[in-house]
Amino acid sequence: VIRELYLHLFKEHPGEIELGEICQRIGFCKNMMLTTDEINMLPTLE
C-alpha cells in the first residue's frame, strides 16, 4: 500500500530501505499518539 501511494504521490518508485523507514515512522506516530503538529517536528525524510 505504501509503495503504491509513494509512486502516486511522488512519481517515482521507492527503495526498500525508504519503505522500511516510512513504515517504521508510521508505527512510531501511532504508538506515541502524535498530533499533526508533533509529526511535523520529526526529523525530515527524503
All heavy atoms as atom14 arrays in JSON, in Angstrom:
{
  "sequence": "VIRELYLHLFKEHPGEIELGEICQRIGFCKNMMLTTDEINMLPTLE",
  "atom14_mask": [
    [1, 1, 1, 1, 1, 1, 1, 0, 0, 0, 0, 0, 0, 0],
    [1, 1, 1, 1, 1, 1, 1, 1, 0, 0, 0, 0, 0, 0],
    [1, 1, 1, 1, 1, 1, 1, 1, 1, 1, 1, 0, 0, 0],
    [1, 1, 1, 1, 1, 1, 1, 1, 1, 0, 0, 0, 0, 0],
    [1, 1, 1, 1, 1, 1, 1, 1, 0, 0, 0, 0, 0, 0],
    [1, 1, 1, 1, 1, 1, 1, 1, 1, 1, 1, 1, 0, 0],
    [1, 1, 1, 1, 1, 1, 1, 1, 0, 0, 0, 0, 0, 0],
    [1, 1, 1, 1, 1, 1, 1, 1, 1, 1, 0, 0, 0, 0],
    [1, 1, 1, 1, 1, 1, 1, 1, 0, 0, 0, 0, 0, 0],
    [1, 1, 1, 1, 1, 1, 1, 1, 1, 1, 1, 0, 0, 0],
    [1, 1, 1, 1, 1, 1, 1, 1, 1, 0, 0, 0, 0, 0],
    [1, 1, 1, 1, 1, 1, 1, 1, 1, 0, 0, 0, 0, 0],
    [1, 1, 1, 1, 1, 1, 1, 1, 1, 1, 0, 0, 0, 0],
    [1, 1, 1, 1, 1, 1, 1, 0, 0, 0, 0, 0, 0, 0],
    [1, 1, 1, 1, 0, 0, 0, 0, 0, 0, 0, 0, 0, 0],
    [1, 1, 1, 1, 1, 1, 1, 1, 1, 0, 0, 0, 0, 0],
    [1, 1, 1, 1, 1, 1, 1, 1, 0, 0, 0, 0, 0, 0],
    [1, 1, 1, 1, 1, 1, 1, 1, 1, 0, 0, 0, 0, 0],
    [1, 1, 1, 1, 1, 1, 1, 1, 0, 0, 0, 0, 0, 0],
    [1, 1, 1, 1, 0, 0, 0, 0, 0, 0, 0, 0, 0, 0],
    [1, 1, 1, 1, 1, 1, 1, 1, 1, 0, 0, 0, 0, 0],
    [1, 1, 1, 1, 1, 1, 1, 1, 0, 0, 0, 0, 0, 0],
    [1, 1, 1, 1, 1, 1, 0, 0, 0, 0, 0, 0, 0, 0],
    [1, 1, 1, 1, 1, 1, 1, 1, 1, 0, 0, 0, 0, 0],
    [1, 1, 1, 1, 1, 1, 1, 1, 1, 1, 1, 0, 0, 0],
    [1, 1, 1, 1, 1, 1, 1, 1, 0, 0, 0, 0, 0, 0],
    [1, 1, 1, 1, 0, 0, 0, 0, 0, 0, 0, 0, 0, 0],
    [1, 1, 1, 1, 1, 1, 1, 1, 1, 1, 1, 0, 0, 0],
    [1, 1, 1, 1, 1, 1, 0, 0, 0, 0, 0, 0, 0, 0],
    [1, 1, 1, 1, 1, 1, 1, 1, 1, 0, 0, 0, 0, 0],
    [1, 1, 1, 1, 1, 1, 1, 1, 0, 0, 0, 0, 0, 0],
    [1, 1, 1, 1, 1, 1, 1, 1, 0, 0, 0, 0, 0, 0],
    [1, 1, 1, 1, 1, 1, 1, 1, 0, 0, 0, 0, 0, 0],
    [1, 1, 1, 1, 1, 1, 1, 1, 0, 0, 0, 0, 0, 0],
    [1, 1, 1, 1, 1, 1, 1, 0, 0, 0, 0, 0, 0, 0],
    [1, 1, 1, 1, 1, 1, 1, 0, 0, 0, 0, 0, 0, 0],
    [1, 1, 1, 1, 1, 1, 1, 1, 0, 0, 0, 0, 0, 0],
    [1, 1, 1, 1, 1, 1, 1, 1, 1, 0, 0, 0, 0, 0],
    [1, 1, 1, 1, 1, 1, 1, 1, 0, 0, 0, 0, 0, 0],
    [1, 1, 1, 1, 1, 1, 1, 1, 0, 0, 0, 0, 0, 0],
    [1, 1, 1, 1, 1, 1, 1, 1, 0, 0, 0, 0, 0, 0],
    [1, 1, 1, 1, 1, 1, 1, 1, 0, 0, 0, 0, 0, 0],
    [1, 1, 1, 1, 1, 1, 1, 0, 0, 0, 0, 0, 0, 0],
    [1, 1, 1, 1, 1, 1, 1, 0, 0, 0, 0, 0, 0, 0],
    [1, 1, 1, 1, 1, 1, 1, 1, 0, 0, 0, 0, 0, 0],
    [1, 1, 1, 1, 1, 1, 1, 1, 1, 0, 0, 0, 0, 0]
  ],
  "atom14_positions": [
    [[0.84, -1.21, 0.0], [0.0, 0.0, 0.0], [0.87, 1.25, 0.0], [0.65, 2.18, -0.78], [-0.95, 0.0, 1.22], [-1.74, 1.3, 1.28], [-1.88, -1.19, 1.17], [0.0, 0.0, 0.0], [0.0, 0.0, 0.0], [0.0, 0.0, 0.0], [0.0, 0.0, 0.0], [0.0, 0.0, 0.0], [0.0, 0.0, 0.0], [0.0, 0.0, 0.0]],
    [[1.87, 1.28, 0.87], [2.78, 2.43, 0.94], [3.51, 2.6, -0.38], [3.7, 3.73, -0.86], [3.78, 2.27, 2.1], [3.06, 2.2, 3.45], [4.79, 3.41, 2.1], [2.34, 3.46, 3.84], [0.0, 0.0, 0.0], [0.0, 0.0, 0.0], [0.0, 0.0, 0.0], [0.0, 0.0, 0.0], [0.0, 0.0, 0.0], [0.0, 0.0, 0.0]],
    [[3.92, 1.48, -0.99], [4.65, 1.55, -2.26], [3.78, 2.21, -3.35], [4.25, 3.08, -4.1], [5.06, 0.16, -2.71], [5.89, 0.16, -4.0], [6.25, -1.23, -4.46], [7.31, -1.82, -3.63], [7.15, -2.85, -2.81], [5.97, -3.43, -2.71], [8.17, -3.31, -2.1], [0.0, 0.0, 0.0], [0.0, 0.0, 0.0], [0.0, 0.0, 0.0]],
    [[2.51, 1.82, -3.42], [1.61, 2.38, -4.45], [1.33, 3.86, -4.18], [1.29, 4.67, -5.1], [0.3, 1.59, -4.49], [0.42, 0.21, -5.12], [0.9, 0.29, -6.56], [0.39, 1.14, -7.32], [1.81, -0.49, -6.92], [0.0, 0.0, 0.0], [0.0, 0.0, 0.0], [0.0, 0.0, 0.0], [0.0, 0.0, 0.0], [0.0, 0.0, 0.0]],
    [[1.12, 4.21, -2.92], [0.87, 5.61, -2.57], [2.09, 6.47, -2.86], [1.97, 7.6, -3.35], [0.48, 5.72, -1.09], [-0.89, 5.15, -0.71], [-1.05, 5.15, 0.81], [-2.02, 5.97, -1.35], [0.0, 0.0, 0.0], [0.0, 0.0, 0.0], [0.0, 0.0, 0.0], [0.0, 0.0, 0.0], [0.0, 0.0, 0.0], [0.0, 0.0, 0.0]],
    [[3.25, 5.95, -2.56], [4.51, 6.67, -2.82], [4.64, 6.96, -4.32], [4.94, 8.09, -4.73], [5.68, 5.8, -2.34], [7.04, 6.46, -2.35], [7.66, 6.83, -1.16], [7.71, 6.69, -3.54], [8.92, 7.42, -1.17], [8.97, 7.28, -3.56], [9.56, 7.64, -2.37], [10.8, 8.22, -2.38], [0.0, 0.0, 0.0], [0.0, 0.0, 0.0]],
    [[4.41, 5.94, -5.14], [4.52, 6.1, -6.59], [3.51, 7.12, -7.1], [3.82, 7.96, -7.94], [4.3, 4.74, -7.27], [4.4, 4.72, -8.8], [5.78, 5.16, -9.26], [4.1, 3.31, -9.31], [0.0, 0.0, 0.0], [0.0, 0.0, 0.0], [0.0, 0.0, 0.0], [0.0, 0.0, 0.0], [0.0, 0.0, 0.0], [0.0, 0.0, 0.0]],
    [[2.3, 7.07, -6.55], [1.24, 8.0, -6.98], [1.57, 9.44, -6.57], [1.38, 10.38, -7.35], [-0.09, 7.58, -6.36], [-1.21, 8.55, -6.61], [-1.81, 8.72, -7.85], [-1.83, 9.44, -5.77], [-2.74, 9.65, -7.77], [-2.78, 10.1, -6.52], [0.0, 0.0, 0.0], [0.0, 0.0, 0.0], [0.0, 0.0, 0.0], [0.0, 0.0, 0.0]],
    [[2.09, 9.61, -5.35], [2.34, 10.97, -4.84], [3.61, 11.59, -5.38], [3.65, 12.78, -5.69], [2.41, 10.93, -3.3], [1.11, 10.61, -2.56], [1.39, 10.4, -1.09], [0.08, 11.72, -2.75], [0.0, 0.0, 0.0], [0.0, 0.0, 0.0], [0.0, 0.0, 0.0], [0.0, 0.0, 0.0], [0.0, 0.0, 0.0], [0.0, 0.0, 0.0]],
    [[4.68, 10.77, -5.5], [6.0, 11.34, -5.82], [6.52, 10.94, -7.2], [7.63, 11.33, -7.57], [7.0, 10.94, -4.73], [6.53, 11.27, -3.35], [6.34, 10.28, -2.39], [6.25, 12.59, -2.99], [5.9, 10.59, -1.11], [5.81, 12.9, -1.71], [5.63, 11.91, -0.77], [0.0, 0.0, 0.0], [0.0, 0.0, 0.0], [0.0, 0.0, 0.0]],
    [[5.72, 10.17, -7.93], [6.04, 9.82, -9.32], [7.38, 9.1, -9.48], [8.06, 9.24, -10.49], [6.05, 11.09, -10.21], [4.84, 11.98, -10.05], [3.54, 11.25, -10.31], [2.34, 12.17, -10.12], [1.06, 11.45, -10.16], [0.0, 0.0, 0.0], [0.0, 0.0, 0.0], [0.0, 0.0, 0.0], [0.0, 0.0, 0.0], [0.0, 0.0, 0.0]],
    [[7.77, 8.34, -8.46], [8.96, 7.51, -8.58], [8.83, 6.32, -7.64], [8.06, 6.36, -6.67], [10.23, 8.3, -8.26], [10.3, 8.88, -6.87], [11.58, 9.69, -6.64], [12.44, 9.7, -7.53], [11.7, 10.29, -5.57], [0.0, 0.0, 0.0], [0.0, 0.0, 0.0], [0.0, 0.0, 0.0], [0.0, 0.0, 0.0], [0.0, 0.0, 0.0]],
    [[9.57, 5.25, -7.95], [9.5, 4.05, -7.14], [10.38, 4.19, -5.9], [11.54, 4.61, -6.01], [9.95, 2.83, -7.95], [9.01, 2.47, -9.06], [7.89, 1.7, -8.86], [9.03, 2.8, -10.39], [7.25, 1.56, -10.0], [7.92, 2.21, -10.95], [0.0, 0.0, 0.0], [0.0, 0.0, 0.0], [0.0, 0.0, 0.0], [0.0, 0.0, 0.0]],
    [[9.87, 3.84, -4.74], [10.69, 3.93, -3.52], [11.61, 2.73, -3.39], [11.31, 1.64, -3.91], [9.63, 3.91, -2.4], [8.52, 3.07, -2.98], [8.5, 3.38, -4.46], [0.0, 0.0, 0.0], [0.0, 0.0, 0.0], [0.0, 0.0, 0.0], [0.0, 0.0, 0.0], [0.0, 0.0, 0.0], [0.0, 0.0, 0.0], [0.0, 0.0, 0.0]],
    [[12.74, 2.9, -2.71], [13.62, 1.79, -2.39], [13.09, 1.03, -1.18], [12.24, 1.55, -0.43], [0.0, 0.0, 0.0], [0.0, 0.0, 0.0], [0.0, 0.0, 0.0], [0.0, 0.0, 0.0], [0.0, 0.0, 0.0], [0.0, 0.0, 0.0], [0.0, 0.0, 0.0], [0.0, 0.0, 0.0], [0.0, 0.0, 0.0], [0.0, 0.0, 0.0]],
    [[13.58, -0.18, -0.98], [13.13, -1.0, 0.14], [13.47, -0.35, 1.48], [12.69, -0.43, 2.44], [13.75, -2.39, 0.06], [13.27, -3.22, -1.12], [11.76, -3.4, -1.14], [11.19, -3.77, -0.08], [11.13, -3.2, -2.19], [0.0, 0.0, 0.0], [0.0, 0.0, 0.0], [0.0, 0.0, 0.0], [0.0, 0.0, 0.0], [0.0, 0.0, 0.0]],
    [[14.62, 0.3, 1.54], [15.01, 0.95, 2.79], [14.12, 2.15, 3.07], [13.69, 2.38, 4.21], [16.5, 1.36, 2.74], [17.37, 0.1, 2.71], [16.89, 2.25, 3.91], [18.84, 0.33, 2.57], [0.0, 0.0, 0.0], [0.0, 0.0, 0.0], [0.0, 0.0, 0.0], [0.0, 0.0, 0.0], [0.0, 0.0, 0.0], [0.0, 0.0, 0.0]],
    [[13.8, 2.92, 2.02], [12.87, 4.04, 2.19], [11.52, 3.56, 2.7], [10.93, 4.17, 3.59], [12.68, 4.77, 0.85], [13.73, 5.81, 0.55], [13.42, 6.54, -0.74], [13.39, 5.88, -1.8], [13.19, 7.76, -0.69], [0.0, 0.0, 0.0], [0.0, 0.0, 0.0], [0.0, 0.0, 0.0], [0.0, 0.0, 0.0], [0.0, 0.0, 0.0]],
    [[11.03, 2.47, 2.12], [9.75, 1.91, 2.56], [9.81, 1.51, 4.03], [8.87, 1.76, 4.8], [9.39, 0.69, 1.71], [8.86, 0.97, 0.3], [8.72, -0.33, -0.46], [7.53, 1.7, 0.36], [0.0, 0.0, 0.0], [0.0, 0.0, 0.0], [0.0, 0.0, 0.0], [0.0, 0.0, 0.0], [0.0, 0.0, 0.0], [0.0, 0.0, 0.0]],
    [[10.93, 0.88, 4.41], [11.09, 0.48, 5.81], [11.07, 1.67, 6.75], [10.45, 1.62, 7.82], [0.0, 0.0, 0.0], [0.0, 0.0, 0.0], [0.0, 0.0, 0.0], [0.0, 0.0, 0.0], [0.0, 0.0, 0.0], [0.0, 0.0, 0.0], [0.0, 0.0, 0.0], [0.0, 0.0, 0.0], [0.0, 0.0, 0.0], [0.0, 0.0, 0.0]],
    [[11.76, 2.76, 6.37], [11.8, 3.96, 7.2], [10.4, 4.57, 7.35], [10.01, 5.0, 8.44], [12.74, 4.99, 6.58], [14.22, 4.63, 6.69], [15.11, 5.63, 5.99], [14.59, 6.43, 5.17], [16.33, 5.64, 6.25], [0.0, 0.0, 0.0], [0.0, 0.0, 0.0], [0.0, 0.0, 0.0], [0.0, 0.0, 0.0], [0.0, 0.0, 0.0]],
    [[9.65, 4.61, 6.25], [8.31, 5.2, 6.29], [7.39, 4.36, 7.17], [6.66, 4.89, 8.01], [7.75, 5.33, 4.86], [8.52, 6.4, 4.08], [6.27, 5.69, 4.9], [8.23, 6.43, 2.6], [0.0, 0.0, 0.0], [0.0, 0.0, 0.0], [0.0, 0.0, 0.0], [0.0, 0.0, 0.0], [0.0, 0.0, 0.0], [0.0, 0.0, 0.0]],
    [[7.43, 3.04, 6.99], [6.57, 2.16, 7.79], [6.92, 2.24, 9.27], [6.03, 2.26, 10.13], [6.68, 0.72, 7.29], [5.94, 0.45, 5.67], [0.0, 0.0, 0.0], [0.0, 0.0, 0.0], [0.0, 0.0, 0.0], [0.0, 0.0, 0.0], [0.0, 0.0, 0.0], [0.0, 0.0, 0.0], [0.0, 0.0, 0.0], [0.0, 0.0, 0.0]],
    [[8.22, 2.3, 9.57], [8.64, 2.41, 10.97], [8.15, 3.71, 11.58], [7.66, 3.74, 12.72], [10.16, 2.31, 11.08], [10.66, 2.31, 12.51], [12.17, 2.23, 12.58], [12.86, 3.23, 12.56], [12.69, 1.0, 12.67], [0.0, 0.0, 0.0], [0.0, 0.0, 0.0], [0.0, 0.0, 0.0], [0.0, 0.0, 0.0], [0.0, 0.0, 0.0]],
    [[8.23, 4.79, 10.81], [7.79, 6.08, 11.34], [6.28, 6.12, 11.52], [5.79, 6.72, 12.49], [8.25, 7.22, 10.44], [7.79, 8.58, 10.95], [8.54, 9.73, 10.34], [9.92, 9.78, 10.78], [10.72, 10.82, 10.54], [10.28, 11.86, 9.85], [11.96, 10.82, 10.97], [0.0, 0.0, 0.0], [0.0, 0.0, 0.0], [0.0, 0.0, 0.0]],
    [[5.54, 5.49, 10.64], [4.08, 5.42, 10.8], [3.75, 4.73, 12.12], [2.91, 5.19, 12.9], [3.43, 4.7, 9.61], [3.48, 5.58, 8.36], [1.98, 4.33, 9.92], [3.03, 4.89, 7.09], [0.0, 0.0, 0.0], [0.0, 0.0, 0.0], [0.0, 0.0, 0.0], [0.0, 0.0, 0.0], [0.0, 0.0, 0.0], [0.0, 0.0, 0.0]],
    [[4.42, 3.6, 12.39], [4.2, 2.88, 13.64], [4.56, 3.72, 14.85], [3.87, 3.71, 15.87], [0.0, 0.0, 0.0], [0.0, 0.0, 0.0], [0.0, 0.0, 0.0], [0.0, 0.0, 0.0], [0.0, 0.0, 0.0], [0.0, 0.0, 0.0], [0.0, 0.0, 0.0], [0.0, 0.0, 0.0], [0.0, 0.0, 0.0], [0.0, 0.0, 0.0]],
    [[5.66, 4.47, 14.75], [6.09, 5.35, 15.84], [5.02, 6.4, 16.14], [4.68, 6.64, 17.3], [7.4, 6.03, 15.46], [7.89, 7.05, 16.46], [8.58, 6.66, 17.59], [7.63, 8.4, 16.27], [9.03, 7.59, 18.51], [8.07, 9.34, 17.18], [8.77, 8.94, 18.31], [0.0, 0.0, 0.0], [0.0, 0.0, 0.0], [0.0, 0.0, 0.0]],
    [[4.5, 7.03, 15.1], [3.49, 8.08, 15.27], [2.25, 7.54, 15.97], [1.67, 8.2, 16.83], [3.11, 8.67, 13.91], [4.43, 9.6, 13.11], [0.0, 0.0, 0.0], [0.0, 0.0, 0.0], [0.0, 0.0, 0.0], [0.0, 0.0, 0.0], [0.0, 0.0, 0.0], [0.0, 0.0, 0.0], [0.0, 0.0, 0.0], [0.0, 0.0, 0.0]],
    [[1.83, 6.34, 15.6], [0.63, 5.76, 16.21], [0.88, 5.37, 17.66], [0.04, 5.62, 18.53], [0.18, 4.54, 15.39], [-0.32, 4.88, 13.99], [-0.64, 3.61, 13.23], [-1.03, 3.93, 11.79], [-2.27, 4.71, 11.71], [0.0, 0.0, 0.0], [0.0, 0.0, 0.0], [0.0, 0.0, 0.0], [0.0, 0.0, 0.0], [0.0, 0.0, 0.0]],
    [[2.04, 4.73, 17.92], [2.33, 4.29, 19.28], [2.53, 5.46, 20.24], [2.22, 5.36, 21.43], [3.55, 3.38, 19.28], [3.2, 1.94, 18.98], [2.76, 1.2, 19.86], [3.36, 1.54, 17.73], [0.0, 0.0, 0.0], [0.0, 0.0, 0.0], [0.0, 0.0, 0.0], [0.0, 0.0, 0.0], [0.0, 0.0, 0.0], [0.0, 0.0, 0.0]],
    [[3.06, 6.57, 19.71], [3.27, 7.75, 20.55], [2.07, 8.69, 20.54], [2.1, 9.74, 21.18], [4.51, 8.5, 20.08], [5.82, 7.75, 20.36], [6.1, 7.46, 22.12], [6.41, 9.12, 22.68], [0.0, 0.0, 0.0], [0.0, 0.0, 0.0], [0.0, 0.0, 0.0], [0.0, 0.0, 0.0], [0.0, 0.0, 0.0], [0.0, 0.0, 0.0]],
    [[1.02, 8.35, 19.77], [-0.21, 9.14, 19.71], [0.09, 10.6, 19.32], [-0.4, 11.55, 19.93], [-0.94, 9.08, 21.06], [-1.17, 7.65, 21.55], [-1.84, 7.52, 23.22], [-3.55, 7.96, 22.93], [0.0, 0.0, 0.0], [0.0, 0.0, 0.0], [0.0, 0.0, 0.0], [0.0, 0.0, 0.0], [0.0, 0.0, 0.0], [0.0, 0.0, 0.0]],
    [[0.92, 10.77, 18.29], [1.37, 12.1, 17.9], [0.29, 12.87, 17.14], [-0.47, 12.29, 16.35], [2.62, 12.0, 17.01], [3.87, 11.38, 17.63], [5.04, 11.5, 16.66], [4.22, 12.03, 18.95], [0.0, 0.0, 0.0], [0.0, 0.0, 0.0], [0.0, 0.0, 0.0], [0.0, 0.0, 0.0], [0.0, 0.0, 0.0], [0.0, 0.0, 0.0]],
    [[0.25, 14.17, 17.37], [-0.63, 15.05, 16.61], [0.08, 15.44, 15.31], [1.27, 15.2, 15.13], [-0.93, 16.32, 17.41], [0.31, 17.04, 17.61], [-1.54, 15.98, 18.77], [0.0, 0.0, 0.0], [0.0, 0.0, 0.0], [0.0, 0.0, 0.0], [0.0, 0.0, 0.0], [0.0, 0.0, 0.0], [0.0, 0.0, 0.0], [0.0, 0.0, 0.0]],
    [[-0.68, 16.09, 14.41], [-0.09, 16.55, 13.15], [1.07, 17.5, 13.41], [2.12, 17.43, 12.75], [-1.16, 17.24, 12.28], [-2.19, 16.29, 11.99], [-0.56, 17.73, 10.97], [0.0, 0.0, 0.0], [0.0, 0.0, 0.0], [0.0, 0.0, 0.0], [0.0, 0.0, 0.0], [0.0, 0.0, 0.0], [0.0, 0.0, 0.0], [0.0, 0.0, 0.0]],
    [[0.9, 18.41, 14.36], [1.98, 19.36, 14.67], [3.21, 18.64, 15.18], [4.34, 19.0, 14.85], [1.51, 20.38, 15.71], [0.52, 21.38, 15.13], [0.47, 21.51, 13.89], [-0.21, 22.02, 15.91], [0.0, 0.0, 0.0], [0.0, 0.0, 0.0], [0.0, 0.0, 0.0], [0.0, 0.0, 0.0], [0.0, 0.0, 0.0], [0.0, 0.0, 0.0]],
    [[3.01, 17.6, 16.0], [4.15, 16.83, 16.53], [4.83, 16.02, 15.43], [6.06, 15.88, 15.42], [3.67, 15.91, 17.65], [3.3, 16.67, 18.92], [2.58, 15.8, 19.94], [1.89, 14.84, 19.54], [2.71, 16.07, 21.15], [0.0, 0.0, 0.0], [0.0, 0.0, 0.0], [0.0, 0.0, 0.0], [0.0, 0.0, 0.0], [0.0, 0.0, 0.0]],
    [[4.05, 15.51, 14.49], [4.63, 14.78, 13.36], [5.5, 15.71, 12.53], [6.58, 15.33, 12.06], [3.52, 14.14, 12.5], [2.83, 13.02, 13.27], [4.09, 13.58, 11.19], [1.6, 12.44, 12.58], [0.0, 0.0, 0.0], [0.0, 0.0, 0.0], [0.0, 0.0, 0.0], [0.0, 0.0, 0.0], [0.0, 0.0, 0.0], [0.0, 0.0, 0.0]],
    [[5.05, 16.93, 12.36], [5.81, 17.91, 11.57], [7.15, 18.26, 12.22], [8.05, 18.77, 11.55], [4.99, 19.19, 11.38], [4.21, 19.16, 10.08], [4.69, 18.63, 9.07], [3.02, 19.72, 10.08], [0.0, 0.0, 0.0], [0.0, 0.0, 0.0], [0.0, 0.0, 0.0], [0.0, 0.0, 0.0], [0.0, 0.0, 0.0], [0.0, 0.0, 0.0]],
    [[7.29, 18.01, 13.52], [8.53, 18.33, 14.23], [9.56, 17.21, 14.14], [10.71, 17.38, 14.56], [8.23, 18.63, 15.7], [7.42, 19.91, 15.91], [6.93, 20.13, 17.65], [8.54, 20.3, 18.43], [0.0, 0.0, 0.0], [0.0, 0.0, 0.0], [0.0, 0.0, 0.0], [0.0, 0.0, 0.0], [0.0, 0.0, 0.0], [0.0, 0.0, 0.0]],
    [[9.19, 16.05, 13.57], [10.12, 14.93, 13.46], [11.19, 15.26, 12.42], [10.98, 16.08, 11.53], [9.37, 13.67, 13.04], [8.35, 13.12, 14.05], [7.57, 11.97, 13.43], [9.03, 12.68, 15.33], [0.0, 0.0, 0.0], [0.0, 0.0, 0.0], [0.0, 0.0, 0.0], [0.0, 0.0, 0.0], [0.0, 0.0, 0.0], [0.0, 0.0, 0.0]],
    [[12.36, 14.62, 12.51], [13.41, 14.85, 11.5], [12.89, 14.56, 10.1], [12.07, 13.65, 9.91], [14.51, 13.85, 11.9], [14.27, 13.57, 13.33], [12.8, 13.67, 13.55], [0.0, 0.0, 0.0], [0.0, 0.0, 0.0], [0.0, 0.0, 0.0], [0.0, 0.0, 0.0], [0.0, 0.0, 0.0], [0.0, 0.0, 0.0], [0.0, 0.0, 0.0]],
    [[13.35, 15.32, 9.12], [12.86, 15.16, 7.76], [13.37, 13.87, 7.13], [14.45, 13.4, 7.44], [13.3, 16.34, 6.88], [14.73, 16.41, 6.88], [12.72, 17.65, 7.37], [0.0, 0.0, 0.0], [0.0, 0.0, 0.0], [0.0, 0.0, 0.0], [0.0, 0.0, 0.0], [0.0, 0.0, 0.0], [0.0, 0.0, 0.0], [0.0, 0.0, 0.0]],
    [[12.54, 13.3, 6.27], [12.95, 12.2, 5.41], [13.18, 12.76, 4.01], [12.98, 13.96, 3.78], [11.88, 11.11, 5.38], [11.55, 10.42, 6.71], [10.47, 9.36, 6.51], [12.79, 9.78, 7.32], [0.0, 0.0, 0.0], [0.0, 0.0, 0.0], [0.0, 0.0, 0.0], [0.0, 0.0, 0.0], [0.0, 0.0, 0.0], [0.0, 0.0, 0.0]],
    [[13.54, 11.91, 3.08], [13.79, 12.38, 1.72], [12.5, 12.76, 1.0], [12.53, 13.41, -0.03], [14.54, 11.34, 0.9], [16.02, 11.28, 1.22], [16.82, 10.61, 0.14], [16.86, 9.38, 0.12], [17.41, 11.32, -0.7], [0.0, 0.0, 0.0], [0.0, 0.0, 0.0], [0.0, 0.0, 0.0], [0.0, 0.0, 0.0], [0.0, 0.0, 0.0]]
  ]
}
